[in-house]
């Protein structure tokens, strides 16, 4: 095994990093996860996740954690209602009869981020995660890496894996490739006690998800097991809108006033999501790594998840991609057919590049389509409700059928090659 007797440092304790740590420990590797959070409870975890059979669920199966997952997932939370800005429902998965179950290719069960993190944390050996480890510098010293953290700690590692997200501190030591601006900003919110705080949206949500479209804007709401809601509005904007808008995102009254003005054509019932003083808001400008990105493999450092292939969230693939990265990287690093770690990492990265090219393309299609004028109206007029239910959703998200030239032309979208330039 190429990683035998090596000290492995995973930077970042999200689902990708923790999954990789679990899989490597099952192979007997010496691994630590360095996470900037002070402890496991310090930060509110984001919204719910739907895990896919070929990626997230495959990784959990290999990690021996499917029984734990089945104990904590939320049946029905993956069901979607599609509405317009006035809350009219155009498609409702709650009304559909489905016999999908574990083992079916298209079954995408939902779990909250918090419970998923707990499953992964509890599967690791004691002391695997080193909390309060915010990396500030990294330096190569011959064949090893010296990592310095904000708390003053310094460690040496033989192999470093950057799982530290979109703003990765590890990425520049792997590649000089930079992400590009997609033209879209998301404003993410987390709302406590949804049934009491947002009763109209709570009834519409029915314990699942809402996808609402109107006027080149999108609003997505998802339920969580603790009764809270995760939600996000997305819209076309300038790249530095979050800094230049003048909105103080820690002042909820300012955020509410902004929403009332910029979403004036939307039903006032949506205001419920913004009116609570306890709601937390985070603006998230949307970037994407180039779909054709490549770099030469290095022998002792690599990336996974958003650190490797940052992209918008409009295909529901982010965590699934990270967990599949972890699975494929763990298998490559422990495969005896590779004579050294450079070969193993090159094999993993080749798979990752190809996969990101495909999934990133579908993600950009969805990003574009979901912010077109009258997108929902045109979609429904073209396909009708039944077609929408049958074919235009894969799990919770809009469809890869949008790549088809005839469909794209009919609803006014440019050819694929123009998007990818």
Foldseek 3Di string as FASTA:
>chain_A
DQQPPFEEEEEALALLSLLLQLLLVVVVHHAAYEHQAQDLPPDDAAFKAWAFPVFRVVSCVSSVQVVVVVVAFDPPQLWEFEAALALDTQATSVPDDDDDDPPDRQHTTMGTRSSSSVSSVVSHDPPRYDYNFAWDDWDDDPQWIWTAGPVGDIDIGNAYEYAPAQVTPQLVVFDPFHWDFLQKKKKKKKFPQCCVLQVVVCVSQVQYKYWYAAQLKIKIWGAHPRNMIIIMIMHGDPQCCVPPVPADQLALVSVLVVCCVVVVVGDCSVSSRRPDNPMHIDMGGFIWTQLQDDGQFDQHYYYAFSSHTGGDCQQSCRSRRSSRLSVQLSCLSPDPVDPHSSVSRVVSVVVSSVVSSVVRLQRSLRSVLRRDHCSVVQVCVVQNRVCCVPPQDRRNHGDPCCQDVVNCVSVPHDHSVVSND
